[in-house]
């Protein structure tokens, strides 16, 4: 899922605390802005956590904010966050995105900074995965007045200083892989701190073998937060000589009667679809296969002007003529 954001134009904020950032604007008018705190690779390039999602219709305004510029190594966390806050508010204003539609995102090392930022500035939605202590890319200067974020300080102690008003209480959606190496040392403390702040909305722990990028759990949360068209799975199987296809929608879309489906049935090795349907409201369809072989089903899912596609896994079909 890792994809470098090298195609984006790098920009720098003006002022005493310069911050590098990338901005990508959605191809259509979007009500949302995703603020992604970036993590860098060894070459100093940012990962686009959401790069692969665009292939499934995921098209939103995205702002990727970089770690502090190395030339300004004596920056404090408070100074950095203030510079990011001014940048976010400025871009949201230009894009005409309401503040409640700004989503703060981070994974790994950047998740810690995303959590602090979202809670300090009271953004409504924060989605993070496997937060770590910021040791490599987010060094902050020790300052007696403005508390820094440093490797020797426990995360929950830092969060305990943040005052959360009831009227502006953020909603934190949290993921941790079951094989996360920093779970016992750091994440447990973070979860306790979030529970004490009464901001934790959902937590998910699933087996994760260290796959970098943005976990599927958090992608689904983003779709749901924005009520965006999505599909969990296209299920295809054989019954007699029929190919049965079903589109499994996420729970928040299951009762949406405005969603329509078009089914394209393909035989492996052939370029054109053997059978196509017009858009219909049923999430299920049956197609009679005349020949045996390997097939897959491509489904077009439509709601208003939104259209996404998803393919089923390959299935093997046998008919009487095969015997």
Protein backbone atom coordinates (compact mmCIF):
# COMPACT_ATOMS: atom_id res chain seq x y z
CA UNK A 1 0.00 0.00 0.00
CA UNK A 2 3.00 2.31 0.31
CA UNK A 3 3.17 4.84 -2.46
CA UNK A 4 5.49 7.81 -2.63
CA UNK A 5 3.85 11.18 -3.05
CA UNK A 6 6.52 12.26 -5.53
CA UNK A 7 3.99 13.49 -8.08
CA UNK A 8 2.80 16.21 -5.69
CA UNK A 9 4.29 19.69 -5.71
CA UNK A 10 6.17 20.41 -2.50
CA UNK A 11 5.37 23.78 -0.92
CA UNK A 12 6.59 25.60 2.19
CA UNK A 13 4.62 27.78 4.58
CA UNK A 14 5.79 31.38 5.08
CA UNK A 15 6.76 32.78 8.47
CA UNK A 16 9.30 32.02 11.17
CA UNK A 17 8.38 28.32 11.38
CA UNK A 18 8.42 26.97 7.80
CA UNK A 19 6.65 23.66 7.21
CA UNK A 20 6.85 21.61 4.02
CA UNK A 21 3.58 20.24 2.69
CA UNK A 22 1.83 18.71 -0.31
CA UNK A 23 -1.74 19.50 -1.31
CA UNK A 24 -3.86 17.47 -3.75
CA UNK A 25 -7.31 18.75 -4.65
CA UNK A 26 -10.15 16.38 -5.50
CA UNK A 27 -11.17 16.20 -9.16
CA UNK A 28 -14.75 16.98 -8.16
CA UNK A 29 -16.14 19.31 -5.50
CA UNK A 30 -15.56 17.73 -2.08
CA UNK A 31 -16.89 18.73 1.32
CA UNK A 32 -13.92 17.18 3.12
CA UNK A 33 -10.23 17.77 3.73
CA UNK A 34 -7.94 14.95 4.89
CA UNK A 35 -4.96 16.23 6.86
CA UNK A 36 -2.34 13.48 6.67
CA UNK A 37 0.70 13.79 8.94
CA UNK A 38 3.43 12.24 6.81
CA UNK A 39 6.13 9.78 7.66
CA UNK A 40 9.32 9.81 5.60
CA UNK A 41 11.40 7.03 4.10
CA UNK A 42 15.21 6.86 4.23
CA UNK A 43 15.44 9.19 1.23
CA UNK A 44 13.36 11.81 3.03
CA UNK A 45 10.32 11.32 0.79
CA UNK A 46 6.77 11.17 2.21
CA UNK A 47 4.48 8.17 1.92
CA UNK A 48 1.03 8.76 0.43
CA UNK A 49 -0.93 6.50 2.78
CA UNK A 50 -4.04 6.82 0.64
CA UNK A 51 -2.46 6.49 -2.80
CA UNK A 52 -3.96 3.12 -3.66
CA UNK A 53 -7.45 4.03 -2.49
CA UNK A 54 -7.97 6.41 -5.40
CA UNK A 55 -8.33 3.38 -7.66
CA UNK A 56 -11.63 2.56 -5.97
CA UNK A 57 -13.22 5.98 -6.25
CA UNK A 58 -11.59 7.57 -3.21
CA UNK A 59 -11.25 11.20 -4.26
CA UNK A 60 -10.92 13.85 -1.57
CA UNK A 61 -8.85 16.96 -0.86
CA UNK A 62 -5.67 15.84 0.88
CA UNK A 63 -3.04 17.86 2.72
CA UNK A 64 0.19 16.04 3.59
CA UNK A 65 2.22 17.84 6.25
CA UNK A 66 5.91 17.04 6.67
CA UNK A 67 8.04 16.78 9.81
CA UNK A 68 9.89 19.97 10.89
CA UNK A 69 12.50 21.26 8.45
CA UNK A 70 15.94 20.08 9.58
CA UNK A 71 17.41 23.57 9.30
CA UNK A 72 15.00 24.60 12.07
CA UNK A 73 15.85 21.81 14.52
CA UNK A 74 15.12 23.94 17.59
CA UNK A 75 11.41 24.13 16.86
CA UNK A 76 9.09 23.19 19.74
CA UNK A 77 6.05 20.98 19.36
CA UNK A 78 3.75 23.91 20.20
CA UNK A 79 5.35 26.06 17.50
CA UNK A 80 5.07 23.28 14.94
CA UNK A 81 1.43 22.59 15.77
CA UNK A 82 0.54 26.28 15.59
CA UNK A 83 2.13 26.55 12.13
CA UNK A 84 0.19 23.47 10.96
CA UNK A 85 -3.05 24.82 12.44
CA UNK A 86 -2.69 28.07 10.51
CA UNK A 87 -1.93 26.11 7.33
CA UNK A 88 -4.93 23.78 7.75
CA UNK A 89 -7.35 26.61 8.46
CA UNK A 90 -6.05 28.59 5.48
CA UNK A 91 -6.38 25.70 3.03
CA UNK A 92 -9.79 24.69 4.39
CA UNK A 93 -10.96 28.27 3.87
CA UNK A 94 -9.75 28.34 0.26
CA UNK A 95 -11.42 24.99 -0.46
CA UNK A 96 -14.58 26.06 1.41
CA UNK A 97 -14.40 23.02 3.69
CA UNK A 98 -16.23 23.35 7.01
CA UNK A 99 -14.14 22.75 10.11
CA UNK A 100 -16.24 19.75 11.18
CA UNK A 101 -15.34 18.12 7.86
CA UNK A 102 -11.60 18.18 8.46
CA UNK A 103 -10.21 14.71 9.28
CA UNK A 104 -6.81 14.30 10.96
CA UNK A 105 -4.88 11.18 9.91
CA UNK A 106 -1.64 9.50 10.91
CA UNK A 107 0.01 6.10 10.96
CA UNK A 108 3.06 4.91 12.81
CA UNK A 109 5.36 7.68 13.95
CA UNK A 110 3.15 10.40 12.48
CA UNK A 111 0.11 9.05 14.36
CA UNK A 112 1.42 10.40 17.66
CA UNK A 113 1.70 13.92 16.27
CA UNK A 114 -1.71 13.57 14.58
CA UNK A 115 -3.30 12.59 17.91
CA UNK A 116 -1.75 15.52 19.78
CA UNK A 117 -2.72 17.94 17.02
CA UNK A 118 -6.31 16.72 16.69
CA UNK A 119 -6.88 16.84 20.45
CA UNK A 120 -5.19 20.18 21.06
CA UNK A 121 -7.06 22.02 18.31
CA UNK A 122 -10.34 20.15 18.80
CA UNK A 123 -10.84 18.72 15.33
CA UNK A 124 -13.85 16.44 15.33
CA UNK A 125 -12.36 13.33 13.68
CA UNK A 126 -8.92 11.77 14.17
CA UNK A 127 -7.98 8.39 12.67
CA UNK A 128 -4.67 6.81 13.63
CA UNK A 129 -2.88 3.49 13.47
CA UNK A 130 -0.09 2.09 15.67
CA UNK A 131 1.24 5.39 17.08
CA UNK A 132 4.91 5.43 18.08
CA UNK A 133 7.03 7.82 20.06
CA UNK A 134 8.42 10.39 17.64
CA UNK A 135 12.15 9.78 17.60
CA UNK A 136 13.32 9.86 13.98
CA UNK A 137 11.44 12.42 11.89
CA UNK A 138 9.76 14.65 14.49
CA UNK A 139 12.50 15.98 16.78
CA UNK A 140 11.33 18.87 18.95
CA UNK A 141 13.44 21.24 21.01
CA UNK A 142 13.43 21.03 24.82
CA UNK A 143 11.71 24.12 26.21
CA UNK A 144 10.69 24.71 29.82
CA UNK A 145 7.65 26.76 28.83
CA UNK A 146 6.41 24.73 25.84
CA UNK A 147 6.50 21.01 26.51
CA UNK A 148 8.27 19.09 23.69
CA UNK A 149 7.51 15.61 22.44
CA UNK A 150 10.58 13.48 22.97
CA UNK A 151 11.40 9.80 23.05
CA UNK A 152 11.87 9.55 26.84
CA UNK A 153 8.44 10.96 27.67
CA UNK A 154 5.44 8.62 27.87
CA UNK A 155 2.60 9.50 25.52
CA UNK A 156 -0.17 9.38 28.11
CA UNK A 157 1.66 11.96 30.27
CA UNK A 158 1.67 14.37 27.35
CA UNK A 159 -2.04 13.80 26.63
CA UNK A 160 -2.94 14.34 30.27
CA UNK A 161 -2.08 18.04 29.88
CA UNK A 162 -4.69 18.55 27.16
CA UNK A 163 -8.02 19.93 28.34
CA UNK A 164 -11.00 18.67 26.34
CA UNK A 165 -14.20 20.69 26.35
CA UNK A 166 -17.47 18.77 26.11
CA UNK A 167 -18.73 20.92 23.25
CA UNK A 168 -15.63 20.29 21.15
CA UNK A 169 -14.83 16.73 22.17
CA UNK A 170 -13.00 15.00 19.28
CA UNK A 171 -13.73 11.49 18.08
CA UNK A 172 -10.67 9.25 17.87
CA UNK A 173 -10.73 6.08 15.76
CA UNK A 174 -7.83 3.83 16.62
CA UNK A 175 -6.14 0.81 15.01
CA UNK A 176 -3.35 -1.40 16.29
CA UNK A 177 -2.03 -4.53 14.63
CA UNK A 178 -1.89 -7.54 16.94
CA UNK A 179 1.81 -7.97 16.14
CA UNK A 180 2.68 -4.33 16.78
CA UNK A 181 6.06 -4.31 18.53
CA UNK A 182 5.28 -1.12 20.45
CA UNK A 183 1.86 -2.21 21.76
CA UNK A 184 2.87 -3.21 25.31
CA UNK A 185 5.32 -0.35 25.79
CA UNK A 186 3.40 2.56 24.27
CA UNK A 187 -0.02 1.83 22.77
CA UNK A 188 -1.63 0.52 25.97
CA UNK A 189 -0.79 3.79 27.68
CA UNK A 190 -2.21 5.73 24.75
CA UNK A 191 -5.48 3.81 24.84
CA UNK A 192 -5.85 4.41 28.57
CA UNK A 193 -5.20 8.12 28.08
CA UNK A 194 -7.80 8.34 25.31
CA UNK A 195 -10.34 6.49 27.44
CA UNK A 196 -9.73 8.86 30.33
CA UNK A 197 -10.31 11.79 27.98
CA UNK A 198 -13.51 10.08 26.80
CA UNK A 199 -12.61 10.69 23.16
CA UNK A 200 -12.04 7.12 21.98
CA UNK A 201 -14.83 6.11 19.59
CA UNK A 202 -13.61 2.86 18.09
CA UNK A 203 -10.56 0.66 18.47
CA UNK A 204 -9.62 -2.29 16.30
CA UNK A 205 -6.88 -4.88 16.78
CA UNK A 206 -6.32 -7.38 14.00
CA UNK A 207 -3.41 -9.55 12.97
CA UNK A 208 -0.95 -7.39 11.15
CA UNK A 209 2.38 -8.69 9.89
CA UNK A 210 3.92 -5.27 9.69
CA UNK A 211 2.35 -4.15 6.42
CA UNK A 212 3.17 -0.46 6.07
CA UNK A 213 0.67 2.05 4.80
CA UNK A 214 -2.86 2.85 5.89
CA UNK A 215 -4.73 -0.19 7.30
CA UNK A 216 -7.99 -1.27 5.66
CA UNK A 217 -9.78 -0.67 8.96
CA UNK A 218 -8.92 3.03 8.83
CA UNK A 219 -9.81 3.29 5.14
CA UNK A 220 -13.28 1.99 5.99
CA UNK A 221 -13.57 4.46 8.84
CA UNK A 222 -12.74 7.30 6.46
CA UNK A 223 -15.40 6.15 4.01
CA UNK A 224 -17.99 5.98 6.80
CA UNK A 225 -17.07 9.34 8.32
CA UNK A 226 -17.65 10.95 4.92
CA UNK A 227 -20.62 8.77 3.94
CA UNK A 228 -18.64 7.84 0.85
CA UNK A 229 -19.62 5.14 -1.61
CA UNK A 230 -17.67 1.96 -0.87
CA UNK A 231 -17.85 -1.80 -1.31
CA UNK A 232 -16.54 -4.41 1.09
CA UNK A 233 -16.48 -7.34 -1.34
CA UNK A 234 -17.88 -8.80 -4.56
CA UNK A 235 -18.83 -12.40 -3.86
CA UNK A 236 -19.17 -14.77 -6.83
CA UNK A 237 -19.89 -18.50 -6.80
CA UNK A 238 -21.42 -21.26 -8.95
CA UNK A 239 -24.88 -22.77 -8.50
CA UNK A 240 -25.65 -25.45 -11.16
CA UNK A 241 -24.48 -23.73 -14.35
CA UNK A 242 -25.23 -20.24 -13.07
CA UNK A 243 -22.75 -17.65 -11.86
CA UNK A 244 -24.17 -15.84 -8.84
CA UNK A 245 -22.76 -12.45 -7.91
CA UNK A 246 -23.46 -10.35 -4.84
CA UNK A 247 -22.18 -6.93 -3.84
CA UNK A 248 -21.52 -6.67 -0.10
CA UNK A 249 -21.85 -3.06 1.04
CA UNK A 250 -20.63 -1.70 4.37
CA UNK A 251 -23.28 -1.45 7.07
CA UNK A 252 -23.75 2.31 6.81
CA UNK A 253 -24.77 1.95 3.13
CA UNK A 254 -26.84 -1.22 3.39
CA UNK A 255 -30.18 0.61 3.63
CA UNK A 256 -29.44 3.25 0.99
CA UNK A 257 -32.08 2.68 -1.71
CA UNK A 258 -30.46 5.14 -4.13
CA UNK A 259 -27.50 2.83 -4.84
CA UNK A 260 -27.56 0.94 -8.16
CA UNK A 261 -25.45 -1.90 -9.56
CA UNK A 262 -24.35 -2.98 -13.04
CA UNK A 263 -22.78 -6.43 -13.50
CA UNK A 264 -20.15 -7.37 -16.08
CA UNK A 265 -19.23 -11.06 -16.40
CA UNK A 266 -15.79 -11.87 -17.82
CA UNK A 267 -14.15 -15.13 -18.81
CA UNK A 268 -10.43 -15.25 -18.10
CA UNK A 269 -8.48 -14.81 -21.31
CA UNK A 270 -11.19 -12.88 -23.16
CA UNK A 271 -11.04 -9.12 -23.45
CA UNK A 272 -14.73 -8.30 -23.73
CA UNK A 273 -17.41 -9.08 -21.17
CA UNK A 274 -19.61 -12.07 -21.99
CA UNK A 275 -22.60 -10.43 -20.37
CA UNK A 276 -23.46 -6.90 -19.17
CA UNK A 277 -26.46 -5.54 -17.31
CA UNK A 278 -27.96 -2.10 -17.03
CA UNK A 279 -27.99 -0.41 -13.63
CA UNK A 280 -30.44 -2.02 -11.22
CA UNK A 281 -31.25 -1.69 -7.55
CA UNK A 282 -30.59 -5.33 -6.59
CA UNK A 283 -27.17 -6.10 -5.06
CA UNK A 284 -27.46 -9.65 -6.49
CA UNK A 285 -27.53 -11.05 -10.03
CA UNK A 286 -27.47 -14.45 -11.72
CA UNK A 287 -25.87 -15.23 -15.06
CA UNK A 288 -26.13 -18.55 -16.92
CA UNK A 289 -22.70 -19.68 -18.10
CA UNK A 290 -22.71 -21.53 -21.43
CA UNK A 291 -19.08 -22.66 -21.24
CA UNK A 292 -16.87 -23.88 -18.45
CA UNK A 293 -13.74 -22.03 -17.44
CA UNK A 294 -12.47 -19.37 -15.08
CA UNK A 295 -14.60 -16.27 -14.61
CA UNK A 296 -14.70 -13.08 -12.59
CA UNK A 297 -17.39 -10.45 -12.09
CA UNK A 298 -16.86 -6.70 -12.27
CA UNK A 299 -19.53 -4.58 -10.60
CA UNK A 300 -20.16 -0.88 -11.21
CA UNK A 301 -21.68 0.71 -8.10
CA UNK A 302 -23.45 4.03 -8.56
CA UNK A 303 -25.04 6.63 -6.30
CA UNK A 304 -25.92 9.88 -7.97
CA UNK A 305 -22.74 11.04 -9.69
CA UNK A 306 -20.52 8.72 -7.61
CA UNK A 307 -19.37 5.57 -9.39
CA UNK A 308 -16.89 2.98 -8.15
CA UNK A 309 -15.96 -0.47 -9.46
CA UNK A 310 -14.83 -3.65 -7.76
CA UNK A 311 -13.94 -7.12 -9.06
CA UNK A 312 -14.68 -10.49 -7.56
CA UNK A 313 -12.07 -13.16 -7.04
CA UNK A 314 -11.59 -15.63 -9.89
CA UNK A 315 -14.02 -18.57 -9.82
CA UNK A 316 -13.95 -21.88 -11.71
CA UNK A 317 -17.19 -22.80 -13.54
CA UNK A 318 -18.03 -26.30 -14.81
CA UNK A 319 -21.00 -27.14 -17.04
CA UNK A 320 -22.43 -30.47 -18.24
CA UNK A 321 -20.48 -30.29 -21.50
CA UNK A 322 -17.22 -30.37 -19.56
CA UNK A 323 -17.76 -34.03 -18.57
